[in-house]
C-alpha cells in the first residue's frame, strides 16, 4: 500500500475551484477533489494585512504523483504564488487506497 495524500489549495471563487479540480482530475494526477467554501481568510500578503473569502480544494492523490499535482496546480492557478500543501493520510480503508492508486496510476 502506497502513501496517500490530501493536497490543498484555495481559490478566489467557486468557479476557479471547479476549473482547477476538473483539470487536475482529468489529467489523472488526482483521484478526486472536494470543494469547500466560502471560507473566511485573514492573511498578510505583499506586506499588507488582508481579509477575504476563498474556496478550498482538497485533492486526493498518491505521494508518487504529488510533484506533478503541485506543478499542475501552480501552473493552472490564477494566483501567482498559491498555497499548495500536502498532508499524508495516516489510515484509510484498503478499498479507498486502491481507488486512489488505480485512478492516479501512470
C-alpha atoms as a PDB file:
ATOM      1  CA  UNK A   1       0.000   0.000   0.000  1.00  0.00           C
ATOM      2  CA  UNK A   2       1.460   3.342  -1.069  1.00  0.00           C
ATOM      3  CA  UNK A   3       1.240   6.668   0.688  1.00  0.00           C
ATOM      4  CA  UNK A   4      -1.947   8.646   0.042  1.00  0.00           C
ATOM      5  CA  UNK A   5      -2.004  12.434   0.451  1.00  0.00           C
ATOM      6  CA  UNK A   6      -4.574  15.159   0.858  1.00  0.00           C
ATOM      7  CA  UNK A   7      -3.300  18.142  -1.141  1.00  0.00           C
ATOM      8  CA  UNK A   8      -4.946  21.507  -0.532  1.00  0.00           C
ATOM      9  CA  UNK A   9      -5.109  24.865  -2.238  1.00  0.00           C
ATOM     10  CA  UNK A  10      -7.514  27.795  -2.176  1.00  0.00           C
ATOM     11  CA  UNK A  11      -9.066  29.870  -4.945  1.00  0.00           C
ATOM     12  CA  UNK A  12     -10.857  33.214  -5.043  1.00  0.00           C
ATOM     13  CA  UNK A  13     -14.114  31.796  -6.475  1.00  0.00           C
ATOM     14  CA  UNK A  14     -16.082  28.566  -6.633  1.00  0.00           C
ATOM     15  CA  UNK A  15     -15.792  28.546 -10.434  1.00  0.00           C
ATOM     16  CA  UNK A  16     -11.987  28.724 -10.175  1.00  0.00           C
ATOM     17  CA  UNK A  17     -12.030  25.825  -7.688  1.00  0.00           C
ATOM     18  CA  UNK A  18     -14.161  23.733 -10.041  1.00  0.00           C
ATOM     19  CA  UNK A  19     -11.918  24.512 -13.051  1.00  0.00           C
ATOM     20  CA  UNK A  20      -8.776  23.596 -11.091  1.00  0.00           C
ATOM     21  CA  UNK A  21     -10.398  20.373  -9.835  1.00  0.00           C
ATOM     22  CA  UNK A  22     -11.563  19.348 -13.281  1.00  0.00           C
ATOM     23  CA  UNK A  23      -8.163  19.948 -14.846  1.00  0.00           C
ATOM     24  CA  UNK A  24      -6.214  18.019 -12.181  1.00  0.00           C
ATOM     25  CA  UNK A  25      -8.627  15.096 -12.090  1.00  0.00           C
ATOM     26  CA  UNK A  26      -8.890  14.946 -15.894  1.00  0.00           C
ATOM     27  CA  UNK A  27      -5.082  14.833 -16.036  1.00  0.00           C
ATOM     28  CA  UNK A  28      -5.131  11.739 -13.797  1.00  0.00           C
ATOM     29  CA  UNK A  29      -2.939  13.294 -11.112  1.00  0.00           C
ATOM     30  CA  UNK A  30      -5.697  13.423  -8.504  1.00  0.00           C
ATOM     31  CA  UNK A  31      -8.415  10.883  -7.832  1.00  0.00           C
ATOM     32  CA  UNK A  32     -10.883  13.441  -6.540  1.00  0.00           C
ATOM     33  CA  UNK A  33     -11.283  16.943  -5.226  1.00  0.00           C
ATOM     34  CA  UNK A  34     -13.588  18.298  -2.571  1.00  0.00           C
ATOM     35  CA  UNK A  35     -14.546  21.960  -2.692  1.00  0.00           C
ATOM     36  CA  UNK A  36     -15.451  23.820   0.474  1.00  0.00           C
ATOM     37  CA  UNK A  37     -16.451  27.417   0.809  1.00  0.00           C
ATOM     38  CA  UNK A  38     -16.622  30.132   1.013  1.00  0.00           C
ATOM     39  CA  UNK A  39     -14.287  30.245   3.993  1.00  0.00           C
ATOM     40  CA  UNK A  40     -13.081  33.403   5.682  1.00  0.00           C
ATOM     41  CA  UNK A  41      -9.405  34.191   5.297  1.00  0.00           C
ATOM     42  CA  UNK A  42      -7.208  36.632   7.205  1.00  0.00           C
ATOM     43  CA  UNK A  43      -3.632  36.992   5.958  1.00  0.00           C
ATOM     44  CA  UNK A  44      -0.503  39.002   5.227  1.00  0.00           C
ATOM     45  CA  UNK A  45       0.236  39.404   1.524  1.00  0.00           C
ATOM     46  CA  UNK A  46       2.749  41.674  -0.189  1.00  0.00           C
ATOM     47  CA  UNK A  47       3.374  43.437   3.126  1.00  0.00           C
ATOM     48  CA  UNK A  48      -0.290  44.224   3.676  1.00  0.00           C
ATOM     49  CA  UNK A  49      -2.916  42.843   6.048  1.00  0.00           C
ATOM     50  CA  UNK A  50      -5.933  41.416   4.244  1.00  0.00           C
ATOM     51  CA  UNK A  51      -9.264  39.719   4.752  1.00  0.00           C
ATOM     52  CA  UNK A  52     -11.433  37.934   2.247  1.00  0.00           C
ATOM     53  CA  UNK A  53     -13.216  34.782   1.207  1.00  0.00           C
ATOM     54  CA  UNK A  54     -11.711  31.756  -0.511  1.00  0.00           C
ATOM     55  CA  UNK A  55     -12.803  28.357  -1.731  1.00  0.00           C
ATOM     56  CA  UNK A  56     -10.664  25.440  -0.516  1.00  0.00           C
ATOM     57  CA  UNK A  57      -9.988  22.422  -2.722  1.00  0.00           C
ATOM     58  CA  UNK A  58      -8.734  19.196  -1.114  1.00  0.00           C
ATOM     59  CA  UNK A  59      -7.356  16.714  -3.620  1.00  0.00           C
ATOM     60  CA  UNK A  60      -6.630  13.027  -3.029  1.00  0.00           C
ATOM     61  CA  UNK A  61      -3.517  11.630  -4.689  1.00  0.00           C
ATOM     62  CA  UNK A  62      -0.529   9.375  -4.135  1.00  0.00           C
ATOM     63  CA  UNK A  63       2.856  10.542  -2.903  1.00  0.00           C
ATOM     64  CA  UNK A  64       4.251   9.372  -6.248  1.00  0.00           C
ATOM     65  CA  UNK A  65       2.017  11.860  -8.133  1.00  0.00           C
ATOM     66  CA  UNK A  66       2.458  14.794  -5.717  1.00  0.00           C
ATOM     67  CA  UNK A  67       5.148  16.630  -7.703  1.00  0.00           C
ATOM     68  CA  UNK A  68       3.021  16.521 -10.857  1.00  0.00           C
ATOM     69  CA  UNK A  69      -0.084  17.691  -8.995  1.00  0.00           C
ATOM     70  CA  UNK A  70       1.807  20.525  -7.320  1.00  0.00           C
ATOM     71  CA  UNK A  71       3.237  21.701 -10.655  1.00  0.00           C
ATOM     72  CA  UNK A  72      -0.196  21.466 -12.285  1.00  0.00           C
ATOM     73  CA  UNK A  73      -1.878  23.482  -9.536  1.00  0.00           C
ATOM     74  CA  UNK A  74       0.768  26.198  -9.658  1.00  0.00           C
ATOM     75  CA  UNK A  75       0.684  26.372 -13.470  1.00  0.00           C
ATOM     76  CA  UNK A  76      -3.125  26.498 -13.726  1.00  0.00           C
ATOM     77  CA  UNK A  77      -3.847  28.636 -10.666  1.00  0.00           C
ATOM     78  CA  UNK A  78      -4.837  32.246 -11.208  1.00  0.00           C
ATOM     79  CA  UNK A  79      -2.769  33.433  -8.247  1.00  0.00           C
ATOM     80  CA  UNK A  80       0.956  33.978  -8.800  1.00  0.00           C
ATOM     81  CA  UNK A  81       2.026  32.194  -5.591  1.00  0.00           C
ATOM     82  CA  UNK A  82      -0.822  29.914  -4.466  1.00  0.00           C
ATOM     83  CA  UNK A  83      -0.708  27.872  -1.304  1.00  0.00           C
ATOM     84  CA  UNK A  84      -0.223  24.194  -2.127  1.00  0.00           C
ATOM     85  CA  UNK A  85       0.177  21.938   0.900  1.00  0.00           C
ATOM     86  CA  UNK A  86       0.077  18.195   1.436  1.00  0.00           C
ATOM     87  CA  UNK A  87      -0.711  16.037   4.437  1.00  0.00           C
ATOM     88  CA  UNK A  88      -0.276  12.260   4.491  1.00  0.00           C
ATOM     89  CA  UNK A  89      -3.353  10.206   5.314  1.00  0.00           C
ATOM     90  CA  UNK A  90      -2.325   8.107   8.321  1.00  0.00           C
ATOM     91  CA  UNK A  91      -5.000   5.453   7.863  1.00  0.00           C
ATOM     92  CA  UNK A  92      -7.559   4.656   5.198  1.00  0.00           C
ATOM     93  CA  UNK A  93      -9.669   1.720   4.128  1.00  0.00           C
ATOM     94  CA  UNK A  94      -7.992  -0.659   1.714  1.00  0.00           C
ATOM     95  CA  UNK A  95     -10.693  -0.073  -0.901  1.00  0.00           C
ATOM     96  CA  UNK A  96     -10.194   3.702  -0.726  1.00  0.00           C
ATOM     97  CA  UNK A  97      -6.418   3.411  -1.096  1.00  0.00           C
ATOM     98  CA  UNK A  98      -6.861   1.034  -4.036  1.00  0.00           C
ATOM     99  CA  UNK A  99      -9.200   3.550  -5.719  1.00  0.00           C
ATOM    100  CA  UNK A 100      -6.792   6.477  -5.328  1.00  0.00           C
ATOM    101  CA  UNK A 101      -3.870   4.369  -6.568  1.00  0.00           C
ATOM    102  CA  UNK A 102      -5.853   2.983  -9.521  1.00  0.00           C
ATOM    103  CA  UNK A 103      -7.228   6.341 -10.657  1.00  0.00           C
ATOM    104  CA  UNK A 104      -3.845   8.103 -10.421  1.00  0.00           C
ATOM    105  CA  UNK A 105      -1.725   5.263 -11.868  1.00  0.00           C
ATOM    106  CA  UNK A 106       0.591   6.341 -14.676  1.00  0.00           C
END
